[in-house]
Protein backbone atom coordinates (compact mmCIF):
# COMPACT_ATOMS: atom_id res chain seq x y z
CA MET A 1 0.10 -0.12 0.19
CA GLU A 2 2.96 2.48 0.89
CA THR A 3 4.52 1.64 -2.74
CA THR A 4 1.61 2.04 -4.40
CA LEU A 5 0.22 5.65 -3.27
CA PRO A 6 2.93 7.42 -4.38
CA ILE A 7 2.89 5.82 -7.78
CA LEU A 8 -0.68 6.65 -7.90
CA SER A 9 -0.06 10.12 -6.81
CA MET A 10 2.40 10.57 -9.53
CA SER A 11 -0.15 8.80 -12.29
CA VAL A 12 -2.73 11.68 -11.07
CA ALA A 13 -0.35 14.45 -11.27
CA ALA A 14 0.67 13.41 -15.06
CA ALA A 15 -2.86 13.15 -16.02
CA ALA A 16 -3.58 16.36 -14.68
CA SER A 17 -0.48 17.73 -16.29
CA ALA A 18 -1.51 16.33 -19.74
CA ALA A 19 -5.10 17.34 -19.23
CA ALA A 20 -3.80 20.86 -18.89
CA VAL A 21 -1.32 20.72 -21.62
CA LEU A 22 -3.48 19.14 -24.34
CA PRO A 23 -5.70 21.99 -25.01
CA LYS A 24 -3.24 24.19 -25.52
CA LEU A 25 -1.45 21.95 -27.73
CA LYS A 26 -4.36 21.35 -29.87
CA ALA A 27 -4.79 25.14 -29.94
CA ARG A 28 -1.25 25.51 -31.20
CA ILE A 29 -1.39 22.68 -33.82
CA GLU A 30 -4.79 24.14 -35.13
CA LEU A 31 -3.34 27.58 -35.17
CA SER A 32 -0.50 26.17 -37.12
CA ARG A 33 -2.55 24.40 -39.82
CA ALA A 34 -4.44 27.76 -40.41
CA LYS A 35 -1.42 29.40 -41.75
CA HIS A 36 -1.13 29.51 -45.31
CA ARG A 37 1.76 27.19 -46.49
CA SER A 38 4.16 29.73 -48.09
CA LEU A 39 6.37 31.99 -46.53
CA ALA A 40 3.92 35.00 -46.79
CA GLY A 41 2.18 32.77 -44.12
CA HIS A 42 5.14 32.08 -41.81
CA SER A 43 6.60 35.36 -40.46
CA LYS A 44 8.96 34.00 -38.39
CA MET A 45 10.18 31.55 -40.91
CA SER A 46 10.05 34.42 -43.57
CA ARG A 47 12.56 36.44 -41.63
CA ARG A 48 15.20 33.77 -41.20
CA VAL A 49 15.45 32.94 -44.62
CA ALA A 50 15.68 36.23 -45.80
CA LYS A 51 18.82 36.51 -43.24
CA LEU A 52 20.23 33.43 -44.88
CA LEU A 53 19.92 34.41 -48.41
CA PRO A 54 23.52 35.49 -49.83
CA PHE A 55 24.06 38.64 -52.31
CA TYR A 56 25.64 37.60 -55.82
CA GLU A 57 25.31 38.75 -59.26
CA PHE A 58 25.65 38.11 -62.64
CA GLU A 59 28.51 39.40 -64.91
CA GLY A 60 29.60 39.12 -68.40
CA ASP A 61 27.88 36.70 -70.41
CA SER A 62 26.22 34.76 -67.73
CA TYR A 63 24.18 38.14 -66.99
CA PHE A 64 22.38 37.65 -70.62
CA ALA A 65 22.50 33.67 -70.34
CA CYS A 66 21.63 32.67 -66.80
CA ASP A 67 18.87 30.38 -68.16
CA GLY A 68 20.78 28.12 -70.40
CA ALA A 69 20.34 30.28 -73.55
CA PRO A 70 22.89 29.86 -76.40
CA ALA A 71 25.60 32.49 -77.34
CA ASN A 72 23.46 33.87 -80.31
CA ILE A 73 20.36 34.44 -77.95
CA ALA A 74 22.89 35.96 -75.33
CA ALA A 75 24.06 38.07 -77.79
CA GLN A 76 20.81 39.43 -79.07
CA ARG A 77 19.80 40.02 -75.34
CA LYS A 78 22.83 42.12 -74.81
CA ASP A 79 22.25 44.29 -78.26
CA GLY A 80 18.86 44.91 -77.13
CA PHE A 81 19.63 45.90 -73.21
CA PHE A 82 22.23 48.25 -74.44
CA ARG A 83 19.96 49.71 -77.22
CA LEU A 84 17.68 50.37 -74.69
CA ALA A 85 20.22 52.14 -72.61
CA ARG A 86 21.40 54.22 -75.30
CA LEU A 87 17.58 55.47 -75.82
CA TYR A 88 17.50 56.02 -72.14
CA ALA A 89 20.44 58.16 -71.95
CA GLU A 90 19.37 60.29 -74.88
CA ARG A 91 15.53 60.88 -73.48
CA TYR A 92 16.19 61.35 -69.75
CA PRO A 93 19.46 62.87 -69.51
CA LYS A 94 18.22 65.60 -66.69
CA GLY A 95 15.74 63.20 -65.22
CA ARG A 96 18.47 60.74 -64.69
CA ALA A 97 21.19 62.91 -63.51
CA MET A 98 18.53 64.51 -60.76
CA THR A 99 17.69 60.79 -59.44
CA LYS A 100 21.26 59.66 -59.34
CA GLU A 101 21.71 63.10 -56.96
CA ALA A 102 18.95 62.66 -54.82
CA ALA A 103 19.46 58.79 -54.04
CA GLU A 104 22.67 60.08 -52.53
CA THR A 105 20.46 61.92 -49.81
CA ILE A 106 16.87 60.46 -49.87
CA SER A 107 16.85 56.91 -48.29
CA ASP A 108 13.30 55.98 -49.77
CA LEU A 109 14.65 56.78 -53.27
CA ASN A 110 17.88 54.54 -52.57
CA PHE A 111 15.65 51.67 -51.75
CA THR A 112 13.41 51.83 -54.65
CA GLU A 113 16.36 52.24 -57.26
CA SER A 114 17.97 49.17 -55.94
CA TYR A 115 14.85 47.15 -55.92
CA ARG A 116 13.26 47.62 -59.18
CA VAL A 117 14.65 43.82 -60.06
CA PRO A 118 15.81 40.70 -58.81
CA PHE A 119 19.05 41.46 -57.21
CA GLN A 120 21.10 39.27 -59.36
CA PHE A 121 20.54 41.88 -62.35
CA SER A 122 20.04 45.08 -60.29
CA ARG A 123 23.49 46.95 -60.78
CA LEU A 124 23.62 46.92 -64.47
CA VAL A 125 20.21 47.95 -64.65
CA ARG A 126 21.02 51.12 -62.26
CA GLU A 127 24.30 51.62 -64.33
CA HIS A 128 22.35 51.78 -67.77
CA LEU A 129 18.55 51.72 -67.22
CA GLY A 130 18.47 54.12 -64.62
CA THR A 131 14.88 55.73 -64.75
CA SER A 132 13.87 59.41 -64.08
CA THR A 133 11.77 59.84 -60.77
CA PHE A 134 11.04 63.53 -61.59
CA VAL A 135 8.25 64.72 -63.20
CA GLU A 136 6.62 68.46 -63.65
CA SER A 137 3.27 68.25 -64.82
CA SER A 138 0.27 66.17 -65.32
CA ARG A 139 -2.71 66.51 -67.61
CA GLY A 140 -5.65 63.92 -68.38
CA VAL A 141 -4.20 60.35 -68.12
CA THR A 142 -0.61 61.58 -68.66
CA VAL A 143 2.49 62.87 -66.88
CA THR A 144 5.34 64.99 -68.66
CA ASP A 145 8.76 64.35 -66.92
CA VAL A 146 11.81 67.19 -66.40
CA ASP A 147 12.90 66.19 -69.92
CA GLY A 148 9.75 67.02 -71.45
CA ASN A 149 8.51 63.11 -72.25
CA THR A 150 5.10 62.62 -71.96
CA SER A 151 3.65 59.52 -70.68
CA TYR A 152 0.44 57.42 -69.94
CA ASP A 153 0.15 57.38 -66.35
CA LEU A 154 -0.29 53.71 -64.84
CA THR A 155 1.17 54.29 -61.46
CA GLY A 156 -1.96 55.69 -59.86
CA SER A 157 0.12 57.65 -57.49
CA TYR A 158 -0.14 54.32 -55.27
CA GLY A 159 -3.79 54.45 -55.52
CA VAL A 160 -4.62 58.09 -54.70
CA ASN A 161 -5.45 58.81 -58.05
CA ILE A 162 -9.20 57.48 -58.70
CA PHE A 163 -10.54 60.17 -60.87
CA GLY A 164 -7.74 61.77 -62.70
CA ASN A 165 -5.12 64.24 -61.72
CA ASP A 166 -7.12 67.24 -63.07
CA PHE A 167 -9.93 66.09 -60.46
CA TYR A 168 -7.46 66.68 -57.29
CA LYS A 169 -5.75 69.52 -58.61
CA GLU A 170 -9.22 71.24 -58.57
CA CYS A 171 -9.81 69.61 -55.25
CA ILE A 172 -6.74 71.06 -53.71
CA GLU A 173 -7.11 74.61 -55.44
CA GLY A 174 -10.61 74.87 -54.11
CA ALA A 175 -9.32 73.82 -50.73
CA GLU A 176 -6.15 76.11 -50.49
CA LYS A 177 -8.93 79.24 -51.19
CA ARG A 178 -11.37 77.95 -48.72
CA ALA A 179 -8.79 77.54 -46.08
CA HIS A 180 -6.49 80.36 -46.48
CA ALA A 181 -8.34 82.69 -44.19
CA LEU A 182 -7.76 80.22 -41.38
CA GLY A 183 -4.50 78.89 -42.69
CA PRO A 184 -2.84 76.20 -40.59
CA VAL A 185 -4.24 76.89 -37.20
CA LEU A 186 -3.81 73.54 -35.32
CA GLY A 187 -6.17 72.36 -32.45
CA PRO A 188 -9.55 74.14 -33.30
CA TYR A 189 -11.64 72.63 -36.06
CA HIS A 190 -12.26 74.44 -39.38
CA PRO A 191 -16.32 74.46 -39.65
CA VAL A 192 -16.12 72.31 -42.68
CA ILE A 193 -15.40 69.18 -40.85
CA LEU A 194 -18.80 68.77 -39.42
CA GLU A 195 -20.03 68.20 -43.22
CA ASN A 196 -17.20 65.67 -43.41
CA VAL A 197 -17.99 63.55 -40.81
CA GLN A 198 -21.76 63.49 -41.71
CA ARG A 199 -20.89 62.21 -45.00
CA LEU A 200 -18.65 59.89 -43.95
CA CYS A 201 -21.00 58.32 -41.42
CA ARG A 202 -23.29 58.19 -44.31
CA ILE A 203 -20.87 56.57 -46.55
CA SER A 204 -19.52 53.93 -43.79
CA GLY A 205 -22.71 53.29 -42.24
CA LEU A 206 -20.71 53.69 -39.07
CA ASP A 207 -21.35 56.24 -36.25
CA GLU A 208 -18.20 58.06 -35.34
CA VAL A 209 -14.93 59.38 -36.97
CA SER A 210 -11.23 59.79 -36.43
CA PHE A 211 -8.60 61.69 -38.49
CA HIS A 212 -5.08 60.77 -38.81
CA MET A 213 -2.15 61.63 -41.24
CA SER A 214 -2.13 58.53 -43.03
CA GLY A 215 -3.46 55.14 -43.23
CA THR A 216 -0.63 53.38 -41.40
CA GLU A 217 -1.95 55.61 -38.51
CA ALA A 218 -5.57 55.06 -39.17
CA VAL A 219 -4.76 51.24 -39.13
CA MET A 220 -2.59 51.24 -35.88
CA GLN A 221 -5.56 53.55 -34.28
CA ALA A 222 -8.56 50.95 -35.42
CA VAL A 223 -6.59 48.08 -33.94
CA ARG A 224 -5.69 49.95 -30.76
CA LEU A 225 -9.47 50.59 -30.26
CA ALA A 226 -10.46 47.03 -31.01
CA ARG A 227 -7.81 45.64 -28.27
CA TYR A 228 -8.81 48.31 -25.58
CA HIS A 229 -12.90 47.43 -25.99
CA THR A 230 -12.80 43.62 -26.58
CA LYS A 231 -9.75 43.60 -23.84
CA ARG A 232 -8.05 40.94 -25.89
CA THR A 233 -4.63 40.69 -27.18
CA HIS A 234 -4.16 39.58 -30.76
CA LEU A 235 -5.13 40.54 -34.04
CA VAL A 236 -5.51 38.51 -37.20
CA ARG A 237 -4.13 39.40 -40.70
CA PHE A 238 -3.97 37.05 -43.77
CA ALA A 239 -0.98 36.00 -45.28
CA GLY A 240 0.28 38.55 -47.72
CA ALA A 241 -1.89 41.62 -47.03
CA TYR A 242 -0.43 44.82 -46.57
CA HIS A 243 -1.58 47.23 -43.98
CA GLY A 244 1.07 49.72 -43.89
CA TRP A 245 4.74 49.39 -42.36
CA TRP A 246 3.40 49.50 -38.62
CA GLY A 247 5.26 46.40 -37.09
CA ASP A 248 2.27 44.29 -35.69
CA VAL A 249 0.91 44.18 -39.00
CA GLN A 250 4.30 43.80 -41.04
CA PRO A 251 5.29 40.76 -39.16
CA GLY A 252 7.62 39.28 -41.52
CA VAL A 253 10.53 40.47 -43.94
CA GLY A 254 10.98 44.43 -43.50
CA ASN A 255 10.24 44.32 -40.11
CA PRO A 256 13.55 44.19 -37.51
CA ILE A 257 11.28 43.12 -34.64
CA ALA A 258 9.16 40.14 -34.57
CA ALA A 259 5.35 41.09 -33.99
CA HIS A 260 4.55 38.87 -30.93
CA GLU A 261 0.49 39.59 -30.92
CA THR A 262 -0.32 38.83 -34.49
CA TYR A 263 -1.61 35.90 -36.20
CA THR A 264 -0.77 35.64 -39.70
CA LEU A 265 -3.17 32.98 -40.94
CA ALA A 266 -4.63 31.82 -44.83
CA GLU A 267 -7.41 33.91 -46.30
CA MET A 268 -10.19 31.95 -47.48
CA SER A 269 -9.80 29.10 -45.41
CA GLU A 270 -11.79 26.80 -43.40
CA LYS A 271 -9.11 26.20 -40.82
CA THR A 272 -8.84 29.90 -40.30
CA LEU A 273 -12.50 30.33 -39.61
CA HIS A 274 -11.82 27.63 -36.71
CA VAL A 275 -9.30 29.56 -35.44
CA LEU A 276 -11.63 32.57 -35.08
CA ARG A 277 -14.28 30.33 -33.32
CA THR A 278 -12.18 28.54 -31.09
CA ARG A 279 -9.64 31.22 -29.67
CA LYS A 280 -10.36 33.60 -26.79
CA ASP A 281 -7.28 36.09 -27.63
CA ILE A 282 -8.33 37.59 -30.75
CA ALA A 283 -9.18 41.17 -30.71
CA CYS A 284 -9.80 41.77 -34.35
CA VAL A 285 -9.54 40.83 -38.11
CA LEU A 286 -7.79 43.05 -40.73
CA VAL A 287 -9.20 42.79 -44.25
CA ASN A 288 -7.53 44.39 -47.23
CA PRO A 289 -10.02 43.93 -50.02
CA LEU A 290 -7.22 43.98 -52.68
CA GLN A 291 -5.95 40.66 -51.56
CA GLY A 292 -8.88 39.34 -53.18
CA LEU A 293 -6.66 39.76 -56.28
CA HIS A 294 -4.02 37.33 -55.01
CA PRO A 295 -5.28 35.68 -51.90
CA ASN A 296 -2.25 34.73 -49.46
CA ALA A 297 0.38 36.43 -51.73
CA ASN A 298 2.42 39.22 -51.13
CA ALA A 299 2.11 42.51 -53.37
CA PRO A 300 3.28 41.59 -56.58
CA GLY A 301 6.77 43.71 -57.68
CA ASP A 302 9.23 43.15 -60.32
CA SER A 303 11.97 42.99 -57.70
CA SER A 304 10.59 39.51 -56.74
CA LEU A 305 9.87 38.46 -60.31
CA VAL A 306 12.41 35.29 -60.87
CA ASP A 307 10.32 33.08 -62.79
CA SER A 308 7.09 33.28 -64.23
CA SER A 309 4.86 31.64 -61.33
CA ARG A 310 3.26 35.04 -60.37
CA GLY A 311 -0.43 34.78 -60.71
CA GLY A 312 -3.68 36.61 -59.78
CA ASN A 313 -7.15 35.99 -60.25
CA PHE A 314 -10.27 37.84 -59.25
CA ASP A 315 -13.49 35.82 -58.10
CA ARG A 316 -15.84 38.42 -56.80
CA ALA A 317 -18.64 35.51 -55.70
CA ALA A 318 -16.14 33.62 -54.04
CA TYR A 319 -14.35 36.56 -51.76
CA THR A 320 -17.68 37.48 -51.29
CA GLU A 321 -18.51 34.45 -49.63
CA TRP A 322 -15.58 34.35 -47.55
CA LEU A 323 -16.09 37.98 -46.47
CA ASN A 324 -19.81 36.96 -45.38
CA LYS A 325 -18.40 33.92 -43.40
CA LEU A 326 -15.75 36.31 -41.80
CA ARG A 327 -18.68 38.43 -40.64
CA GLU A 328 -20.62 35.70 -39.25
CA VAL A 329 -17.68 34.24 -37.34
CA CYS A 330 -16.67 37.72 -35.93
CA ASP A 331 -20.46 38.24 -34.69
CA GLN A 332 -20.48 34.78 -32.99
CA ARG A 333 -17.14 35.56 -31.29
CA GLY A 334 -17.21 39.22 -30.54
CA ILE A 335 -14.40 40.06 -32.78
CA VAL A 336 -13.90 43.33 -34.55
CA LEU A 337 -14.17 43.03 -38.28
CA ILE A 338 -11.95 45.79 -39.99
CA PHE A 339 -11.91 46.51 -43.47
CA ASP A 340 -8.78 48.62 -44.44
CA GLU A 341 -10.12 50.44 -47.39
CA VAL A 342 -7.02 52.78 -47.61
CA PHE A 343 -5.94 51.57 -50.83
CA VAL A 344 -9.53 50.56 -52.71
CA GLY A 345 -11.73 52.93 -51.04
CA PHE A 346 -13.96 54.98 -53.57
CA ARG A 347 -12.16 53.09 -56.50
CA LEU A 348 -14.72 50.19 -56.38
CA ALA A 349 -18.01 52.00 -55.37
CA ALA A 350 -19.07 55.14 -53.94
CA GLY A 351 -19.74 53.37 -50.63
CA GLY A 352 -16.30 51.48 -50.83
CA ALA A 353 -15.43 47.89 -50.54
CA GLN A 354 -18.68 47.43 -47.88
CA GLU A 355 -21.07 48.32 -50.84
CA TYR A 356 -19.38 46.77 -53.46
CA PHE A 357 -19.06 43.47 -51.61
CA GLY A 358 -22.33 43.87 -49.39
CA VAL A 359 -20.85 43.20 -46.31
CA LYS A 360 -20.56 45.55 -43.32
CA ALA A 361 -17.71 45.82 -41.46
CA ASP A 362 -17.30 47.19 -37.49
CA MET A 363 -14.75 49.54 -38.17
CA VAL A 364 -13.16 51.02 -41.82
CA THR A 365 -10.15 52.80 -42.65
CA TYR A 366 -9.92 55.10 -45.29
CA GLY A 367 -6.95 57.15 -46.83
CA LYS A 368 -5.24 58.05 -50.14
CA SER A 369 -7.67 59.77 -52.37
CA LEU A 370 -10.34 61.02 -49.58
CA ALA A 371 -8.50 64.31 -48.71
CA GLY A 372 -8.45 65.10 -52.61
CA GLY A 373 -5.15 64.26 -52.82
CA LEU A 374 -3.32 65.59 -49.92
CA PRO A 375 -1.95 63.26 -46.87
CA VAL A 376 -5.35 61.72 -44.71
CA GLY A 377 -6.03 58.47 -42.74
CA VAL A 378 -9.64 58.33 -41.27
CA VAL A 379 -10.92 55.84 -38.96
CA CYS A 380 -14.95 54.94 -39.15
CA GLY A 381 -16.34 52.65 -36.46
CA LYS A 382 -19.00 51.77 -34.46
CA ARG A 383 -19.67 54.26 -31.40
CA GLU A 384 -18.80 51.63 -28.79
CA LEU A 385 -15.60 50.77 -30.60
CA MET A 386 -14.42 54.52 -30.98
CA ARG A 387 -14.69 55.62 -27.38
CA ARG A 388 -11.41 56.22 -25.91
CA PHE A 389 -12.07 56.29 -22.13
CA ARG A 390 -14.23 54.56 -19.71
CA ASP A 391 -16.85 56.42 -17.67
CA ASP A 392 -16.05 54.03 -14.47
CA ARG A 393 -12.35 53.91 -14.66
CA PRO A 394 -11.23 57.69 -15.57
CA ALA A 395 -7.68 56.76 -15.99
CA ASP A 396 -8.46 53.80 -17.93
CA ILE A 397 -8.06 55.52 -21.43
CA CYS A 398 -6.81 54.72 -25.18
CA PHE A 399 -4.85 57.32 -26.61
CA ALA A 400 -4.26 58.55 -29.74
CA ARG A 401 -3.82 61.91 -31.11
CA GLY A 402 -1.22 63.52 -33.66
CA THR A 403 -0.41 66.97 -34.62
CA PHE A 404 -1.70 67.66 -37.84
CA ASN A 405 -5.11 65.47 -37.29
CA SER A 406 -7.78 67.45 -38.92
CA HIS A 407 -5.55 70.15 -40.88
CA PRO A 408 -7.68 72.85 -42.35
CA TYR A 409 -6.11 72.29 -45.86
CA VAL A 410 -6.62 68.65 -45.75
CA MET A 411 -10.34 68.73 -44.28
CA THR A 412 -11.27 71.45 -46.94
CA ALA A 413 -9.87 69.39 -49.40
CA MET A 414 -12.13 66.27 -48.27
CA ASP A 415 -14.62 68.45 -48.31
CA GLU A 416 -14.19 69.48 -52.03
CA PHE A 417 -14.00 65.57 -52.72
CA LEU A 418 -16.65 64.45 -50.69
CA SER A 419 -18.83 67.17 -52.38
CA ARG A 420 -18.08 65.74 -55.89
CA LEU A 421 -18.62 62.05 -54.89
CA ALA A 422 -21.99 63.09 -53.71
CA SER A 423 -23.31 64.44 -56.98
CA PRO A 424 -25.56 62.29 -58.92
CA ASN A 425 -24.00 63.34 -62.20
CA PHE A 426 -20.39 62.71 -60.88
CA ARG A 427 -21.53 58.95 -59.54
CA ALA A 428 -22.35 58.04 -62.83
CA VAL A 429 -18.77 57.25 -63.24
CA TYR A 430 -19.36 53.77 -61.36
CA ASP A 431 -22.03 53.10 -63.83
CA GLY A 432 -20.53 49.59 -65.62
CA LEU A 433 -17.51 50.23 -63.90
CA GLU A 434 -16.69 46.67 -63.79
CA GLU A 435 -17.65 45.62 -67.18
CA THR A 436 -15.60 48.50 -68.71
CA TRP A 437 -12.64 47.13 -66.83
CA ASN A 438 -13.30 43.42 -67.16
CA GLY A 439 -13.86 44.18 -70.91
CA ARG A 440 -10.36 46.00 -71.33
CA VAL A 441 -8.52 43.04 -69.63
CA ARG A 442 -10.21 40.65 -72.05
CA THR A 443 -9.43 43.12 -74.82
CA LEU A 444 -5.72 43.25 -74.12
CA ASN A 445 -5.32 39.49 -73.46
CA ARG A 446 -6.62 38.75 -76.63
CA MET A 447 -4.26 41.30 -78.33
CA MET A 448 -1.34 39.50 -76.75
CA GLU A 449 -2.79 36.08 -77.38
CA GLY A 450 -3.24 36.99 -80.95
CA ALA A 451 0.21 38.35 -81.38
CA ASP A 452 1.34 35.17 -79.47
CA LEU A 453 3.06 36.91 -76.81
CA PRO A 454 3.55 35.41 -73.37
CA VAL A 455 1.79 38.14 -71.38
CA ARG A 456 -1.55 38.37 -69.70
CA PHE A 457 -3.42 40.50 -67.46
CA ALA A 458 -5.51 40.05 -64.29
CA ASN A 459 -7.62 42.65 -62.52
CA PHE A 460 -9.72 44.01 -59.81
CA SER A 461 -11.67 46.54 -61.51
CA SER A 462 -8.94 49.02 -62.41
CA ILE A 463 -5.83 47.65 -60.52
CA TRP A 464 -4.00 45.20 -62.90
CA THR A 465 -1.07 42.79 -62.51
CA VAL A 466 0.78 41.43 -65.56
CA LYS A 467 1.34 37.56 -65.42
CA TYR A 468 3.68 35.54 -67.58
CA THR A 469 3.07 32.45 -69.57
CA THR A 470 6.44 31.42 -70.72
CA PRO A 471 8.87 30.20 -67.77
CA SER A 472 11.54 33.02 -68.29
CA ARG A 473 14.28 34.66 -65.62
CA TYR A 474 13.74 37.82 -67.42
CA ASN A 475 10.52 38.87 -67.26
CA TRP A 476 11.43 41.92 -65.46
CA MET A 477 12.75 43.47 -68.46
CA LEU A 478 9.46 44.29 -69.81
CA GLN A 479 8.83 47.38 -67.46
CA TYR A 480 11.94 48.67 -69.44
CA TYR A 481 10.39 47.98 -72.61
CA LEU A 482 7.09 49.59 -71.60
CA ARG A 483 8.75 53.09 -70.48
CA ALA A 484 10.47 53.17 -73.61
CA GLU A 485 6.92 53.15 -75.40
CA GLY A 486 5.74 55.92 -73.21
CA LEU A 487 4.01 54.19 -70.18
CA ALA A 488 4.77 55.60 -66.67
CA LEU A 489 5.29 52.78 -64.26
CA SER A 490 5.95 52.63 -60.35
CA TRP A 491 8.72 51.55 -58.82
CA VAL A 492 7.21 47.91 -58.92
CA GLY A 493 7.16 47.63 -62.30
CA THR A 494 4.57 45.40 -63.85
CA GLY A 495 3.53 43.97 -60.74
CA ARG A 496 0.68 46.55 -60.26
CA LEU A 497 -0.45 48.67 -62.71
CA ILE A 498 -3.35 51.47 -61.56
CA PHE A 499 -5.40 53.04 -63.75
CA SER A 500 -7.49 56.29 -63.35
CA LEU A 501 -10.83 55.98 -63.81
CA ASN A 502 -11.01 58.92 -66.58
CA TYR A 503 -9.37 56.67 -69.17
CA THR A 504 -11.50 56.65 -72.28
CA ASP A 505 -11.95 53.93 -74.77
CA ALA A 506 -9.54 55.99 -76.82
CA ASP A 507 -6.83 56.39 -74.18
CA PHE A 508 -7.04 52.64 -73.20
CA THR A 509 -6.49 51.54 -77.04
CA GLU A 510 -3.52 53.68 -77.01
CA VAL A 511 -2.13 52.09 -73.82
CA ALA A 512 -3.10 48.64 -75.29
CA GLU A 513 -1.34 49.00 -78.55
CA ARG A 514 1.91 50.21 -76.66
CA PHE A 515 2.05 47.26 -74.68
CA VAL A 516 1.79 44.89 -77.46
CA ARG A 517 4.67 46.97 -79.20
CA ALA A 518 6.76 46.64 -75.89
CA ALA A 519 6.15 43.04 -75.66
CA GLU A 520 6.96 42.31 -79.33
CA LYS A 521 10.53 44.46 -79.29
CA MET A 522 11.12 42.40 -76.35
CA LYS A 523 10.39 39.22 -77.41
CA ALA A 524 12.52 40.07 -80.80
CA ASP A 525 15.36 40.71 -78.78
CA GLY A 526 15.21 36.97 -77.41
CA PHE A 527 14.40 37.76 -73.90
CA TRP A 528 11.65 35.32 -74.01
CA TRP A 529 13.83 32.51 -75.49
CA HIS A 530 12.73 29.33 -74.48
CA ASP A 531 14.26 25.61 -75.08
CA GLY A 532 10.81 23.73 -74.43
CA VAL A 533 12.78 22.40 -71.25
CA LEU A 534 12.82 24.98 -68.75
CA THR A 535 10.26 25.13 -66.25
CA ASN A 536 9.44 27.63 -63.19
CA LYS A 537 10.57 24.87 -61.02
CA ASN A 538 13.79 24.33 -63.23
CA ILE A 539 14.34 28.01 -62.50
CA LYS A 540 13.77 28.12 -58.56
CA ARG A 541 16.11 24.82 -58.36
CA GLN A 542 18.68 26.86 -60.12
CA ILE A 543 18.47 29.87 -57.83
CA LEU A 544 18.89 27.43 -54.90
CA LYS A 545 22.10 26.02 -56.42
CA GLU A 546 23.46 29.46 -57.21
CA MET A 547 22.62 30.84 -53.57
CA LEU A 548 24.14 27.46 -52.04
CA ALA A 549 27.31 27.71 -54.26
CA LYS A 550 27.78 31.67 -52.70
CA ARG A 551 27.44 30.48 -49.31
CA LEU A 552 29.91 27.53 -49.77
CA GLY A 553 32.35 29.84 -51.51
CA ARG A 554 32.39 27.98 -54.74
């Protein structure tokens, strides 16, 4: 009896420990299963992998033949590359000189100039295909640089430009006149803020508004308020989604410090819904509707265009179904559903993504275009979520203020924007919008197919991405042929094309023809040579071998 009692006690203790540990282990496994299998879904792993990747670059003949192309094709590519280089030197002398000078002291520009293409090719591109980042004027759907070259604008000003540059010039001009009497007086409100708030509440269908200086700030405040009111710690974001550069919403590559209270889960996944139903620490779910174009994938840019596996396909019905499921689970569990409409707000519909998808959020963040072209971030939310203090605990507050919140010039520009948006005549711009842009994608895809070119397009309304159908390590070159044809691109190249809604059929036809011309020239220069054997998997294996050889010093 004396020997069995200790054993029995130990068994009971072990069983109790197992009973305590097993639920936690089960929850941990379920959380892991809800992550997307790619590095975009594994933030810690992506940061570790990024630190292991060695720098190396191609030189000499290997620069133009890293895919195994024969000598004659490599020579063809080299001739095409330096022919473009001579064209760039003749066309952009002033702008290139200014860009080179500015990159010495503007860190943002230094970064973007270095990351326009995969790093193995970057140095030669910077030396010979350096672009001009300085523009002097805009008109209609075009911009004119400091060398006098006029190009069709496909940059969209990072999403700001929805209705055309002239529209925003008018908003800013009207705002300056109306705010001039007050000037940059901060603290008190310009009277126009009352009308702005009323309109924003009508548009969002929510109760209160908070003003900030950027979309990143707006997202920060929305998450902070959700944590404050739910008394929970964690936010859920989806693999690949961008919500600004704040650390908690950028837990992977780009953030030097790990985010410990962020779950990065797979979008459009039943396993994710299960995690939301079962965990007790989730305060909010962040949704960037733009991810509907490329769920669970990072924002596409040509700097990561190492092969032709980049995808993109927007399924409105499927994504709407997903958002409805999210809404249902968040209602069941008291989780705050936040729509981050900083990028897509007012581009899809006058009521934004909520109207477009027919799904209501608890909080919505806006930015970009809302202030008529001036910097702004806005949070709209339910009254109970926007309150920043507790009546029964006066020291328990949720603080957020900013020196430039509700700046008079921003508020008057916002009123100019919202006044136009409220006009029935102006709202006609949304009539048939989706059919128009889907039709334009189909037209250009047919043109590419008819010309036997390995380029296709996917779109989310007027936001497009370029896909490639032939395995290649040189797709990043297309951006330079496009610029040579008078198409202005952002620093991410063909990863994202943003059209303003004032593009006419004639404007688009001209852009389409230039796209085809650029692709034909690139093909003629041998950059899409293919031996019938090379696959995207082969390319990735070859890159892995190159990296291992560099790491091992071979």
